Each structure stands twice: as structure tokens, then as C-alpha cells.
């Protein structure tokens, strides 16, 4: 039987068309069998990076957060993240206020990363100002010189984790010293909300 494609395409072109058709069939088969779930999982795992890049509240759930997610919270380094995980293993969190029971986390630090937490349980009625009653004589956090501060110091600013702290340093290295606090909003991932939360602590 004569192949009708012979009059339209050369043998090489027919082979290319056959390859494309096979590729499309394979792609459709994989999609129908759920292969796309890996891509979906990857998108979910990138949600933290999206929040950091877009200056969105992190809203980390300490009941389920991974070590890497905990380290994205302002003021939480690798050791404190591990301490939180160790505490959680023995004492599942009933509310975010229980973070005060974790070794090395005091009132000042709790106030620092409270905005980055997903609030649940009894802590729904607790706000950062309410925590002041635990230690009314606690000293305010020190100012941060955004022109000289390292990653650790910058990470003490509200809403600034290691990723954004590094972005500040990178911006500083390229453009020189900040001329005003408002210039921080030119750093990727830092918007007016983050600036407003930290304005009282920023110095040049």
C-alpha cells in the first residue's frame, strides 16, 4: 500500500515527524500516570523562596517546619533550628508561645521572629506586645548599621533571614553604602512593609 506521506514529506522529514509524535505520546502518558507530581512537589518546596523574594510574611508552622525552613526565620541559625526540632520531638508544640521553653530562645528573640510564625492554639490570643508582660524590663533590640552589618546582625531585623541578609550585602557590594534607609527597598525581596517594621532599628 502506498504511503500517502511520501508525496508530502521526504523520508528524513517523516522520521522527524514520527519522533515528535512518539515524544508527545510519551509526555501524555507520563502526565496521565501522575509523573507531574514531582514538579508539583518542587513548586511546594520552593514556596519559602517565593515568600522571601516577594517580601511576604513567612508564616512558618513550627509543628511541621523543616530545619531549613526554621533557619529562614529572623534570628534562627542552624543550632537554634536544631534545638527547636529536638524540643518538638519530645514535646509537640501546642502553641507558638512554647518556643520560649526552647533553650536559647528568650523574650527578645521570640518578639523578633513572631511575625514570621503561623499562629495556632492558645497563642491565637497572644501578640508580641502581650509577651512583654513576661519580662517587662527586657531591653530593646540594638540598632543595626546596614552599611557594616554582617549576615548575623542583619538577620536580627524583623522579616530578614539569611537569604535577604545576603541580598543586602550583595547590593551593598555592587552599589556602595546605603544613603538612606529607604534605599533598602531596592534590594530584591525587601519591600515597604519590611522597612516600616525595622525603621526604628536601622542606622547608617
Foldseek 3Di string as FASTA:
>chain_A
DDDPCVVVDPPVVVVVVVVVVVVVVVVVVCVVVPVCVVVVVVVVVCVQVVCQQALHQQADELQDDDLVSQQQFQQDHNVLSVQSVVVCVVPPDQWPVCSCVGPPDHLQQCLQRVSNHNTDHPCVPPDNVNSCVVPVPDDHDAADELQDDAQNRQSSQRSGGSVLRVQSVVCCVVPNHDPDLVCSCVRRRDHPVSSVSRVVRYDD
